[in-house]
N, C-alpha and C. Protein backbone atom coordinates (compact mmCIF):
# COMPACT_ATOMS: atom_id res chain seq x y z
N MET A 1 3.14 -43.40 -22.63
CA MET A 1 2.53 -42.16 -23.10
C MET A 1 1.61 -41.56 -22.04
N LEU A 2 0.79 -42.45 -21.43
CA LEU A 2 -0.11 -42.00 -20.38
C LEU A 2 0.69 -41.50 -19.18
N TYR A 3 1.82 -42.19 -18.93
CA TYR A 3 2.67 -41.80 -17.81
C TYR A 3 3.24 -40.39 -18.02
N LYS A 4 3.67 -40.10 -19.27
CA LYS A 4 4.21 -38.78 -19.60
C LYS A 4 3.14 -37.70 -19.43
N LYS A 5 1.90 -37.98 -19.91
CA LYS A 5 0.81 -37.02 -19.77
C LYS A 5 0.50 -36.75 -18.30
N SER A 6 0.55 -37.82 -17.52
CA SER A 6 0.29 -37.67 -16.09
C SER A 6 1.37 -36.82 -15.43
N GLN A 7 2.63 -37.04 -15.85
CA GLN A 7 3.73 -36.26 -15.31
C GLN A 7 3.61 -34.79 -15.69
N ILE A 8 3.25 -34.55 -16.95
CA ILE A 8 3.09 -33.17 -17.43
C ILE A 8 1.98 -32.47 -16.66
N ARG A 9 0.87 -33.20 -16.46
CA ARG A 9 -0.27 -32.63 -15.72
C ARG A 9 0.14 -32.29 -14.29
N ARG A 10 0.91 -33.19 -13.69
CA ARG A 10 1.34 -32.97 -12.31
C ARG A 10 2.26 -31.75 -12.21
N ILE A 11 3.18 -31.64 -13.18
CA ILE A 11 4.09 -30.49 -13.20
C ILE A 11 3.31 -29.19 -13.41
N ALA A 12 2.32 -29.24 -14.32
CA ALA A 12 1.50 -28.06 -14.58
C ALA A 12 0.75 -27.63 -13.32
N LEU A 13 0.20 -28.59 -12.60
CA LEU A 13 -0.52 -28.28 -11.36
C LEU A 13 0.41 -27.69 -10.31
N LEU A 14 1.65 -28.23 -10.25
CA LEU A 14 2.62 -27.70 -9.30
C LEU A 14 2.98 -26.25 -9.63
N ILE A 15 3.14 -25.98 -10.94
CA ILE A 15 3.47 -24.61 -11.37
C ILE A 15 2.33 -23.66 -11.03
N ILE A 16 1.09 -24.09 -11.33
CA ILE A 16 -0.09 -23.26 -11.03
C ILE A 16 -0.18 -23.00 -9.52
N GLY A 17 0.04 -24.07 -8.75
CA GLY A 17 0.00 -23.92 -7.29
C GLY A 17 1.06 -22.97 -6.78
N ALA A 18 2.27 -23.08 -7.35
CA ALA A 18 3.36 -22.20 -6.94
C ALA A 18 3.05 -20.74 -7.28
N LEU A 19 2.49 -20.52 -8.48
CA LEU A 19 2.12 -19.16 -8.89
C LEU A 19 1.05 -18.59 -7.97
N PHE A 20 0.08 -19.43 -7.61
CA PHE A 20 -0.99 -19.00 -6.71
C PHE A 20 -0.42 -18.58 -5.36
N ILE A 21 0.52 -19.37 -4.85
CA ILE A 21 1.15 -19.05 -3.57
C ILE A 21 1.92 -17.73 -3.65
N VAL A 22 2.64 -17.53 -4.76
CA VAL A 22 3.40 -16.29 -4.95
C VAL A 22 2.46 -15.08 -4.96
N VAL A 23 1.35 -15.20 -5.70
CA VAL A 23 0.38 -14.10 -5.77
C VAL A 23 -0.21 -13.80 -4.40
N MET A 24 -0.58 -14.84 -3.67
CA MET A 24 -1.17 -14.66 -2.34
C MET A 24 -0.16 -14.04 -1.37
N LEU A 25 1.08 -14.52 -1.42
CA LEU A 25 2.11 -13.96 -0.54
C LEU A 25 2.38 -12.49 -0.87
N SER A 26 2.37 -12.17 -2.17
CA SER A 26 2.56 -10.78 -2.59
C SER A 26 1.44 -9.89 -2.07
N PHE A 27 0.21 -10.40 -2.17
CA PHE A 27 -0.96 -9.66 -1.69
C PHE A 27 -0.86 -9.42 -0.18
N ILE A 28 -0.52 -10.48 0.56
CA ILE A 28 -0.40 -10.37 2.02
C ILE A 28 0.73 -9.42 2.40
N PHE A 29 1.88 -9.54 1.70
CA PHE A 29 3.02 -8.67 2.00
C PHE A 29 2.68 -7.21 1.75
N ASN A 30 1.99 -6.92 0.64
CA ASN A 30 1.61 -5.54 0.34
C ASN A 30 0.68 -4.97 1.40
N ASN A 31 -0.27 -5.80 1.86
CA ASN A 31 -1.19 -5.35 2.90
C ASN A 31 -0.45 -5.05 4.20
N ILE A 32 0.50 -5.93 4.54
CA ILE A 32 1.30 -5.71 5.76
C ILE A 32 2.14 -4.45 5.62
N LEU A 33 2.74 -4.25 4.44
CA LEU A 33 3.58 -3.08 4.20
C LEU A 33 2.76 -1.80 4.31
N HIS A 34 1.57 -1.79 3.68
CA HIS A 34 0.72 -0.60 3.74
C HIS A 34 0.27 -0.32 5.16
N ALA A 35 -0.06 -1.37 5.89
CA ALA A 35 -0.49 -1.20 7.29
C ALA A 35 0.65 -0.63 8.13
N ALA A 36 1.87 -1.13 7.88
CA ALA A 36 3.04 -0.65 8.63
C ALA A 36 3.32 0.82 8.32
N GLU A 37 3.22 1.19 7.04
CA GLU A 37 3.45 2.58 6.64
C GLU A 37 2.42 3.50 7.27
N SER A 38 1.15 3.06 7.26
CA SER A 38 0.07 3.85 7.85
C SER A 38 0.28 4.02 9.35
N SER A 39 0.69 2.95 10.01
CA SER A 39 0.93 3.00 11.45
C SER A 39 2.08 3.95 11.78
N ALA A 40 3.15 3.90 10.97
CA ALA A 40 4.31 4.76 11.20
C ALA A 40 3.93 6.23 11.00
N TRP A 41 3.13 6.50 9.97
CA TRP A 41 2.67 7.87 9.70
C TRP A 41 1.84 8.39 10.87
N LYS A 42 0.90 7.59 11.33
CA LYS A 42 0.02 8.01 12.43
C LYS A 42 0.84 8.25 13.70
N THR A 43 1.80 7.39 13.97
CA THR A 43 2.65 7.55 15.16
C THR A 43 3.48 8.82 15.07
N GLU A 44 4.06 9.08 13.90
CA GLU A 44 4.87 10.28 13.70
C GLU A 44 4.04 11.54 13.95
N CYS A 45 2.83 11.57 13.38
CA CYS A 45 1.97 12.74 13.52
C CYS A 45 1.49 12.91 14.96
N SER A 46 1.05 11.83 15.57
CA SER A 46 0.54 11.89 16.95
C SER A 46 1.62 12.35 17.92
N THR A 47 2.84 11.85 17.72
CA THR A 47 3.96 12.23 18.59
C THR A 47 4.25 13.72 18.49
N SER A 48 4.19 14.26 17.27
CA SER A 48 4.44 15.68 17.07
C SER A 48 3.35 16.54 17.72
N VAL A 49 2.10 16.11 17.59
CA VAL A 49 0.99 16.84 18.21
C VAL A 49 1.15 16.86 19.73
N GLN A 50 1.44 15.70 20.32
CA GLN A 50 1.59 15.61 21.77
C GLN A 50 2.77 16.44 22.26
N SER A 51 3.85 16.46 21.49
CA SER A 51 5.01 17.26 21.86
C SER A 51 4.66 18.74 21.85
N ASN A 52 3.92 19.17 20.84
CA ASN A 52 3.48 20.56 20.75
C ASN A 52 2.66 20.95 21.98
N VAL A 53 1.74 20.08 22.37
CA VAL A 53 0.88 20.36 23.52
C VAL A 53 1.70 20.47 24.80
N ARG A 54 2.64 19.56 25.00
CA ARG A 54 3.46 19.57 26.22
C ARG A 54 4.28 20.85 26.34
N TRP A 55 4.89 21.26 25.22
CA TRP A 55 5.71 22.47 25.26
C TRP A 55 4.86 23.72 25.44
N ARG A 56 3.67 23.72 24.85
CA ARG A 56 2.78 24.88 25.01
C ARG A 56 2.30 25.03 26.44
N GLN A 57 2.21 23.94 27.17
CA GLN A 57 1.81 24.01 28.58
C GLN A 57 2.86 24.73 29.42
N ILE A 58 4.11 24.68 28.97
CA ILE A 58 5.19 25.41 29.65
C ILE A 58 5.14 26.88 29.25
N SER A 59 5.15 27.11 27.94
CA SER A 59 5.08 28.47 27.41
C SER A 59 4.85 28.40 25.91
N ASP A 60 4.04 29.33 25.40
CA ASP A 60 3.82 29.39 23.95
C ASP A 60 5.13 29.64 23.21
N ALA A 61 6.07 30.27 23.89
CA ALA A 61 7.36 30.57 23.25
C ALA A 61 8.13 29.29 22.94
N PHE A 62 7.84 28.22 23.66
CA PHE A 62 8.55 26.96 23.46
C PHE A 62 7.80 26.01 22.51
N ALA A 63 6.62 26.41 22.07
CA ALA A 63 5.80 25.52 21.25
C ALA A 63 6.53 25.11 19.97
N GLU A 64 6.51 23.83 19.69
CA GLU A 64 7.13 23.32 18.47
C GLU A 64 6.10 23.28 17.34
N ASP A 65 6.60 23.32 16.11
CA ASP A 65 5.71 23.12 14.96
C ASP A 65 5.14 21.71 14.99
N ILE A 66 3.88 21.60 14.60
CA ILE A 66 3.30 20.27 14.40
C ILE A 66 3.73 19.78 13.03
N ARG A 67 4.33 18.61 12.99
CA ARG A 67 4.79 18.04 11.72
C ARG A 67 4.00 16.77 11.43
N CYS A 68 3.26 16.82 10.33
CA CYS A 68 2.45 15.67 9.94
C CYS A 68 2.34 15.65 8.42
N PRO A 69 3.15 14.83 7.73
CA PRO A 69 3.11 14.80 6.27
C PRO A 69 1.74 14.35 5.76
N THR A 70 1.28 15.02 4.72
CA THR A 70 0.00 14.67 4.11
C THR A 70 0.15 13.42 3.25
N LEU A 71 -0.67 12.42 3.49
CA LEU A 71 -0.67 11.22 2.65
C LEU A 71 -1.30 11.55 1.31
N ASP A 72 -0.73 11.03 0.24
CA ASP A 72 -1.28 11.21 -1.11
C ASP A 72 -1.46 9.82 -1.71
N ILE A 73 -2.70 9.36 -1.81
CA ILE A 73 -2.94 7.97 -2.18
C ILE A 73 -4.03 7.85 -3.23
N SER A 74 -4.01 6.71 -3.92
CA SER A 74 -5.06 6.34 -4.88
C SER A 74 -5.81 5.16 -4.30
N VAL A 75 -7.14 5.24 -4.31
CA VAL A 75 -7.98 4.26 -3.62
C VAL A 75 -8.76 3.42 -4.62
N ASP A 76 -8.78 2.12 -4.39
CA ASP A 76 -9.64 1.20 -5.14
C ASP A 76 -11.06 1.38 -4.64
N GLU A 77 -12.01 1.63 -5.56
CA GLU A 77 -13.37 1.94 -5.11
C GLU A 77 -14.03 0.81 -4.32
N LYS A 78 -13.56 -0.42 -4.50
CA LYS A 78 -14.14 -1.55 -3.77
C LYS A 78 -13.84 -1.46 -2.27
N SER A 79 -12.68 -0.91 -1.94
CA SER A 79 -12.31 -0.78 -0.53
C SER A 79 -12.35 0.68 -0.08
N ALA A 80 -12.90 1.55 -0.92
CA ALA A 80 -12.83 2.99 -0.66
C ALA A 80 -13.54 3.39 0.62
N ALA A 81 -14.76 2.90 0.83
CA ALA A 81 -15.53 3.30 2.01
C ALA A 81 -14.78 2.96 3.29
N LYS A 82 -14.23 1.76 3.34
CA LYS A 82 -13.49 1.31 4.53
C LYS A 82 -12.21 2.13 4.71
N LYS A 83 -11.49 2.38 3.61
CA LYS A 83 -10.23 3.11 3.67
C LYS A 83 -10.45 4.55 4.11
N ILE A 84 -11.46 5.21 3.52
CA ILE A 84 -11.73 6.61 3.85
C ILE A 84 -12.19 6.74 5.30
N ARG A 85 -13.01 5.79 5.73
CA ARG A 85 -13.45 5.78 7.13
C ARG A 85 -12.25 5.73 8.06
N GLN A 86 -11.28 4.83 7.76
CA GLN A 86 -10.11 4.69 8.62
C GLN A 86 -9.24 5.94 8.59
N LEU A 87 -9.08 6.55 7.41
CA LEU A 87 -8.29 7.77 7.30
C LEU A 87 -8.90 8.89 8.13
N THR A 88 -10.23 8.97 8.13
CA THR A 88 -10.92 10.02 8.89
C THR A 88 -10.77 9.80 10.39
N ILE A 89 -10.88 8.53 10.80
CA ILE A 89 -10.67 8.18 12.21
C ILE A 89 -9.23 8.49 12.63
N ASP A 90 -8.26 8.10 11.79
CA ASP A 90 -6.85 8.36 12.09
C ASP A 90 -6.59 9.86 12.25
N CYS A 91 -7.18 10.64 11.36
CA CYS A 91 -7.00 12.10 11.41
C CYS A 91 -7.55 12.66 12.72
N TRP A 92 -8.69 12.16 13.14
CA TRP A 92 -9.32 12.57 14.39
C TRP A 92 -8.46 12.16 15.59
N ASP A 93 -7.94 10.94 15.55
CA ASP A 93 -7.11 10.44 16.65
C ASP A 93 -5.79 11.20 16.76
N ILE A 94 -5.17 11.50 15.61
CA ILE A 94 -3.88 12.20 15.61
C ILE A 94 -3.96 13.50 16.40
N TYR A 95 -5.05 14.23 16.21
CA TYR A 95 -5.20 15.52 16.87
C TYR A 95 -5.99 15.43 18.18
N GLY A 96 -5.94 14.25 18.80
CA GLY A 96 -6.50 14.10 20.14
C GLY A 96 -8.01 14.16 20.20
N GLN A 97 -8.67 13.81 19.07
CA GLN A 97 -10.13 13.81 18.99
C GLN A 97 -10.72 15.17 19.37
N GLY A 98 -9.97 16.23 19.05
CA GLY A 98 -10.46 17.59 19.29
C GLY A 98 -10.35 18.06 20.72
N LYS A 99 -9.78 17.26 21.61
CA LYS A 99 -9.78 17.57 23.05
C LYS A 99 -8.56 18.36 23.50
N LEU A 100 -7.62 18.61 22.58
CA LEU A 100 -6.36 19.26 22.96
C LEU A 100 -6.37 20.75 22.64
N ASP A 101 -5.76 21.53 23.52
CA ASP A 101 -5.59 22.97 23.28
C ASP A 101 -4.35 23.15 22.40
N LEU A 102 -4.57 23.24 21.09
CA LEU A 102 -3.46 23.15 20.14
C LEU A 102 -2.89 24.49 19.70
N PHE A 103 -3.72 25.52 19.65
CA PHE A 103 -3.27 26.79 19.07
C PHE A 103 -3.61 27.95 20.00
N THR A 104 -2.83 29.03 19.89
CA THR A 104 -2.99 30.17 20.79
C THR A 104 -3.98 31.20 20.25
N ASP A 105 -3.79 31.62 19.02
CA ASP A 105 -4.59 32.72 18.47
C ASP A 105 -5.97 32.26 18.03
N GLU A 106 -6.92 33.19 18.07
CA GLU A 106 -8.26 32.92 17.58
C GLU A 106 -8.22 32.85 16.05
N ASN A 107 -8.60 31.71 15.51
CA ASN A 107 -8.58 31.50 14.06
C ASN A 107 -9.22 30.16 13.77
N THR A 108 -9.37 29.84 12.49
CA THR A 108 -9.83 28.51 12.08
C THR A 108 -8.67 27.80 11.40
N TYR A 109 -8.21 26.71 12.01
CA TYR A 109 -7.03 25.99 11.56
C TYR A 109 -7.42 24.68 10.90
N CYS A 110 -6.63 24.27 9.91
CA CYS A 110 -6.87 22.99 9.25
C CYS A 110 -5.58 22.19 9.15
N GLY A 111 -5.68 20.91 9.41
CA GLY A 111 -4.59 19.98 9.16
C GLY A 111 -5.05 18.97 8.12
N ILE A 112 -4.43 18.97 6.95
CA ILE A 112 -4.83 18.07 5.87
C ILE A 112 -4.09 16.75 6.06
N CYS A 113 -4.82 15.74 6.50
CA CYS A 113 -4.19 14.45 6.81
C CYS A 113 -3.91 13.62 5.56
N ALA A 114 -4.84 13.58 4.64
CA ALA A 114 -4.68 12.74 3.44
C ALA A 114 -5.42 13.35 2.26
N ILE A 115 -4.83 13.17 1.09
CA ILE A 115 -5.48 13.53 -0.18
C ILE A 115 -5.61 12.25 -0.98
N PHE A 116 -6.79 12.00 -1.54
CA PHE A 116 -6.96 10.74 -2.26
C PHE A 116 -7.84 10.91 -3.49
N ASP A 117 -7.44 10.16 -4.54
CA ASP A 117 -8.29 10.02 -5.72
C ASP A 117 -8.61 8.54 -5.89
N PHE A 118 -9.20 8.18 -7.03
CA PHE A 118 -9.69 6.82 -7.21
C PHE A 118 -9.14 6.20 -8.48
N GLU A 119 -8.96 4.89 -8.44
CA GLU A 119 -8.40 4.17 -9.58
C GLU A 119 -9.37 4.10 -10.74
N ASN A 120 -10.67 4.11 -10.46
CA ASN A 120 -11.69 4.04 -11.51
C ASN A 120 -12.66 5.20 -11.39
N ARG A 121 -13.17 5.64 -12.54
CA ARG A 121 -14.06 6.80 -12.58
C ARG A 121 -15.52 6.38 -12.62
N ASP A 122 -16.38 7.42 -12.51
CA ASP A 122 -17.83 7.26 -12.68
C ASP A 122 -18.44 6.27 -11.69
N LYS A 123 -17.92 6.26 -10.47
CA LYS A 123 -18.49 5.41 -9.42
C LYS A 123 -19.00 6.30 -8.29
N GLU A 124 -20.13 5.89 -7.70
CA GLU A 124 -20.64 6.57 -6.51
C GLU A 124 -20.34 5.71 -5.30
N ILE A 125 -19.74 6.31 -4.30
CA ILE A 125 -19.30 5.57 -3.11
C ILE A 125 -20.00 6.13 -1.89
N ARG A 126 -20.70 5.27 -1.19
CA ARG A 126 -21.40 5.68 0.02
C ARG A 126 -20.50 5.49 1.23
N LEU A 127 -20.26 6.56 1.95
CA LEU A 127 -19.44 6.48 3.15
C LEU A 127 -20.30 6.02 4.32
N ILE A 128 -19.82 5.02 5.03
CA ILE A 128 -20.57 4.47 6.16
C ILE A 128 -19.63 4.27 7.35
N GLY A 129 -20.20 4.23 8.53
CA GLY A 129 -19.41 4.00 9.74
C GLY A 129 -20.10 4.61 10.94
N LYS A 130 -20.17 3.86 12.01
CA LYS A 130 -20.84 4.34 13.23
C LYS A 130 -20.10 5.52 13.84
N GLU A 131 -18.84 5.70 13.47
CA GLU A 131 -18.07 6.83 14.01
C GLU A 131 -18.51 8.16 13.42
N PHE A 132 -19.07 8.13 12.20
CA PHE A 132 -19.46 9.36 11.53
C PHE A 132 -20.73 9.95 12.15
N ASP A 133 -20.73 11.26 12.35
CA ASP A 133 -21.94 11.95 12.78
C ASP A 133 -22.78 12.37 11.58
N TYR A 134 -22.16 12.36 10.40
CA TYR A 134 -22.87 12.68 9.16
C TYR A 134 -22.14 12.01 8.01
N THR A 135 -22.87 11.43 7.08
CA THR A 135 -22.26 10.84 5.88
C THR A 135 -23.15 11.08 4.67
N SER A 136 -22.53 11.07 3.49
CA SER A 136 -23.25 11.10 2.22
C SER A 136 -22.40 10.33 1.20
N SER A 137 -22.78 10.39 -0.06
CA SER A 137 -22.02 9.70 -1.11
C SER A 137 -20.97 10.63 -1.70
N ILE A 138 -19.91 10.03 -2.25
CA ILE A 138 -18.90 10.79 -2.97
C ILE A 138 -18.72 10.19 -4.36
N SER A 139 -18.20 11.00 -5.27
CA SER A 139 -17.98 10.56 -6.65
C SER A 139 -16.50 10.25 -6.88
N SER A 140 -16.23 9.15 -7.55
CA SER A 140 -14.84 8.78 -7.82
C SER A 140 -14.21 9.67 -8.90
N ASN A 141 -14.99 10.61 -9.45
CA ASN A 141 -14.44 11.54 -10.44
C ASN A 141 -13.70 12.71 -9.77
N ASN A 142 -13.87 12.87 -8.47
CA ASN A 142 -13.30 14.01 -7.76
C ASN A 142 -12.12 13.59 -6.87
N ILE A 143 -11.35 14.57 -6.46
CA ILE A 143 -10.28 14.38 -5.49
C ILE A 143 -10.78 14.87 -4.14
N TYR A 144 -10.52 14.08 -3.10
CA TYR A 144 -11.01 14.42 -1.76
C TYR A 144 -9.85 14.46 -0.77
N SER A 145 -10.15 14.98 0.40
CA SER A 145 -9.16 14.98 1.47
C SER A 145 -9.84 14.74 2.81
N THR A 146 -9.06 14.20 3.75
CA THR A 146 -9.51 14.13 5.14
C THR A 146 -8.82 15.26 5.88
N ILE A 147 -9.61 16.03 6.61
CA ILE A 147 -9.12 17.28 7.21
C ILE A 147 -9.53 17.37 8.67
N PHE A 148 -8.59 17.74 9.52
CA PHE A 148 -8.91 18.10 10.89
C PHE A 148 -9.11 19.60 10.91
N ILE A 149 -10.27 20.05 11.37
CA ILE A 149 -10.58 21.48 11.41
C ILE A 149 -10.81 21.90 12.86
N TYR A 150 -10.26 23.06 13.21
CA TYR A 150 -10.20 23.48 14.62
C TYR A 150 -10.43 24.98 14.68
N ALA A 151 -11.55 25.38 15.26
CA ALA A 151 -11.88 26.81 15.38
C ALA A 151 -11.65 27.26 16.82
N LYS A 152 -10.89 28.34 16.99
CA LYS A 152 -10.65 28.89 18.33
C LYS A 152 -11.16 30.32 18.37
N GLY A 153 -11.96 30.63 19.40
CA GLY A 153 -12.58 31.94 19.50
C GLY A 153 -14.07 31.83 19.20
N GLU A 154 -14.88 32.60 19.91
CA GLU A 154 -16.33 32.46 19.80
C GLU A 154 -16.85 32.72 18.39
N GLN A 155 -16.35 33.76 17.74
CA GLN A 155 -16.80 34.05 16.38
C GLN A 155 -16.43 32.92 15.42
N GLU A 156 -15.21 32.43 15.53
CA GLU A 156 -14.76 31.33 14.67
C GLU A 156 -15.57 30.06 14.93
N ILE A 157 -15.90 29.81 16.19
CA ILE A 157 -16.70 28.63 16.54
C ILE A 157 -18.07 28.71 15.89
N GLN A 158 -18.72 29.86 15.99
CA GLN A 158 -20.05 30.02 15.40
C GLN A 158 -20.00 29.87 13.88
N GLU A 159 -18.93 30.39 13.26
CA GLU A 159 -18.78 30.25 11.81
C GLU A 159 -18.59 28.79 11.41
N LEU A 160 -17.82 28.04 12.21
CA LEU A 160 -17.60 26.62 11.91
C LEU A 160 -18.90 25.82 12.06
N ILE A 161 -19.68 26.11 13.08
CA ILE A 161 -20.96 25.41 13.27
C ILE A 161 -21.87 25.66 12.08
N LYS A 162 -21.96 26.91 11.64
CA LYS A 162 -22.79 27.25 10.47
C LYS A 162 -22.26 26.58 9.21
N MET A 163 -20.92 26.56 9.08
CA MET A 163 -20.30 25.96 7.90
C MET A 163 -20.63 24.48 7.79
N LEU A 164 -20.56 23.75 8.89
CA LEU A 164 -20.84 22.31 8.85
C LEU A 164 -22.25 22.05 8.36
N ASP A 165 -23.20 22.84 8.80
CA ASP A 165 -24.59 22.68 8.34
C ASP A 165 -24.73 23.07 6.88
N ARG A 166 -24.08 24.17 6.48
CA ARG A 166 -24.22 24.69 5.13
C ARG A 166 -23.56 23.80 4.09
N GLU A 167 -22.33 23.39 4.35
CA GLU A 167 -21.55 22.70 3.32
C GLU A 167 -21.88 21.22 3.20
N LYS A 168 -22.47 20.61 4.21
CA LYS A 168 -22.94 19.23 4.02
C LYS A 168 -24.17 19.23 3.13
N THR A 169 -24.91 20.34 3.13
CA THR A 169 -26.06 20.48 2.23
C THR A 169 -25.59 20.73 0.80
N SER A 170 -24.53 21.53 0.65
CA SER A 170 -24.03 21.85 -0.69
C SER A 170 -23.21 20.72 -1.29
N GLY A 171 -22.75 19.78 -0.44
CA GLY A 171 -21.96 18.65 -0.94
C GLY A 171 -20.46 18.84 -0.81
N LYS A 172 -20.02 20.00 -0.31
CA LYS A 172 -18.58 20.22 -0.13
C LYS A 172 -18.01 19.33 0.98
N ILE A 173 -18.87 19.01 1.96
CA ILE A 173 -18.49 18.08 3.02
C ILE A 173 -19.28 16.80 2.83
N SER A 174 -18.58 15.67 2.80
CA SER A 174 -19.24 14.38 2.56
C SER A 174 -19.42 13.56 3.83
N ALA A 175 -18.64 13.85 4.86
CA ALA A 175 -18.76 13.13 6.13
C ALA A 175 -17.94 13.86 7.18
N TYR A 176 -18.31 13.68 8.44
CA TYR A 176 -17.45 14.18 9.50
C TYR A 176 -17.63 13.40 10.79
N ILE A 177 -16.56 13.40 11.59
CA ILE A 177 -16.56 12.82 12.93
C ILE A 177 -16.47 13.97 13.93
N GLY A 178 -17.21 13.89 15.01
CA GLY A 178 -17.29 14.96 15.98
C GLY A 178 -18.62 15.68 15.79
N PRO A 179 -18.69 16.95 16.04
CA PRO A 179 -17.63 17.82 16.54
C PRO A 179 -17.43 17.66 18.05
N TYR A 180 -16.29 18.19 18.50
CA TYR A 180 -16.00 18.27 19.93
C TYR A 180 -15.99 19.74 20.33
N ARG A 181 -16.71 20.06 21.38
CA ARG A 181 -16.76 21.45 21.86
C ARG A 181 -15.92 21.58 23.12
N GLY A 182 -14.83 22.31 23.02
CA GLY A 182 -14.01 22.59 24.18
C GLY A 182 -14.44 23.89 24.83
N THR A 183 -13.71 24.33 25.84
CA THR A 183 -14.06 25.57 26.51
C THR A 183 -13.83 26.78 25.61
N GLU A 184 -12.81 26.68 24.74
CA GLU A 184 -12.46 27.82 23.88
C GLU A 184 -12.37 27.44 22.41
N TRP A 185 -12.68 26.22 22.06
CA TRP A 185 -12.52 25.78 20.68
C TRP A 185 -13.58 24.75 20.29
N TYR A 186 -13.59 24.46 18.99
CA TYR A 186 -14.57 23.53 18.41
C TYR A 186 -13.84 22.79 17.29
N ALA A 187 -13.95 21.47 17.25
CA ALA A 187 -13.13 20.71 16.29
C ALA A 187 -13.91 19.55 15.69
N ALA A 188 -13.49 19.16 14.48
CA ALA A 188 -14.09 18.00 13.80
C ALA A 188 -13.07 17.44 12.82
N SER A 189 -13.29 16.20 12.40
CA SER A 189 -12.50 15.57 11.34
C SER A 189 -13.46 15.28 10.20
N LEU A 190 -13.14 15.76 9.01
CA LEU A 190 -14.13 15.67 7.93
C LEU A 190 -13.53 15.19 6.61
N VAL A 191 -14.42 14.80 5.72
CA VAL A 191 -14.08 14.42 4.35
C VAL A 191 -14.69 15.46 3.43
N GLY A 192 -13.87 16.07 2.58
CA GLY A 192 -14.38 17.08 1.67
C GLY A 192 -13.61 17.10 0.37
N GLU A 193 -14.18 17.75 -0.64
CA GLU A 193 -13.49 17.88 -1.93
C GLU A 193 -12.20 18.67 -1.75
N TYR A 194 -11.14 18.20 -2.40
CA TYR A 194 -9.85 18.86 -2.27
C TYR A 194 -9.65 19.82 -3.44
N THR A 195 -10.12 21.04 -3.24
CA THR A 195 -9.92 22.13 -4.19
C THR A 195 -9.68 23.39 -3.38
N ARG A 196 -9.13 24.41 -4.01
CA ARG A 196 -8.94 25.68 -3.30
C ARG A 196 -10.28 26.22 -2.84
N GLU A 197 -11.28 26.13 -3.73
CA GLU A 197 -12.62 26.60 -3.37
C GLU A 197 -13.17 25.80 -2.20
N GLY A 198 -12.95 24.46 -2.24
CA GLY A 198 -13.45 23.61 -1.17
C GLY A 198 -12.85 23.97 0.18
N LEU A 199 -11.52 24.22 0.20
CA LEU A 199 -10.86 24.61 1.45
C LEU A 199 -11.37 25.96 1.95
N ASP A 200 -11.61 26.88 1.01
CA ASP A 200 -12.15 28.19 1.40
C ASP A 200 -13.56 28.05 1.95
N LYS A 201 -14.35 27.19 1.31
CA LYS A 201 -15.75 27.01 1.72
C LYS A 201 -15.87 26.48 3.15
N ILE A 202 -14.96 25.58 3.52
CA ILE A 202 -15.05 25.03 4.88
C ILE A 202 -14.32 25.91 5.90
N GLY A 203 -13.76 27.01 5.42
CA GLY A 203 -13.23 28.01 6.34
C GLY A 203 -11.81 27.82 6.79
N CYS A 204 -10.98 27.15 6.00
CA CYS A 204 -9.57 26.96 6.37
C CYS A 204 -8.81 28.27 6.18
N LYS A 205 -8.62 29.00 7.27
CA LYS A 205 -7.91 30.27 7.20
C LYS A 205 -6.42 30.10 7.46
N ALA A 206 -6.06 29.06 8.20
CA ALA A 206 -4.65 28.82 8.53
C ALA A 206 -4.37 27.33 8.45
N ILE A 207 -3.28 26.97 7.76
CA ILE A 207 -2.86 25.57 7.67
C ILE A 207 -1.42 25.53 8.18
N PRO A 208 -1.25 25.48 9.51
CA PRO A 208 0.08 25.63 10.11
C PRO A 208 0.89 24.35 10.22
N ILE A 209 0.39 23.26 9.69
CA ILE A 209 1.05 21.97 9.88
C ILE A 209 2.22 21.84 8.91
N LYS A 210 3.39 21.50 9.42
CA LYS A 210 4.58 21.33 8.60
C LYS A 210 4.63 19.91 8.02
N GLN A 211 5.20 19.80 6.81
CA GLN A 211 5.31 18.50 6.15
C GLN A 211 6.60 17.79 6.56
């Protein structure tokens, strides 16, 4: 009888151990898959941006469309600060950290890199990271986006500078990396509420990026 109980206990422990291994392997596989997908997306977008720049150096007539699909994701609030930080950095890197001459006409351009909401509501999330030049808290009740914003022309540059100061006070902008001041343009990568009003507030007059 004792032998049977011992055998049953051993089998139960083996089953529990096997289930634990399956769960851990699933978790690791999902993380690897998500990392691979993110890397592929960043590579696709960066390649398109670089191609656009190379062709524009020959002639604006040869310039290709920038193609960068917008990520649409749901974020766990426990990893939200880290995830949003990385998305903002990726968005900045994709567009050459603001150092590239990307567009011809004077205007304020936006590339929406990612749109994200949260799995749980009523949470306040503090964005942190040494890369950010400004950060504040965001609410998990809202939808946000990471955006590359690029102003070309002196009037547009001055409007973007004023906007960054104004909208971080109003809460429309929650964080940004940069800005970078070029000879003819001004650029930043930011986190802001994803609404039509929000995009208008930060001055997105043109969104020329193809999906």
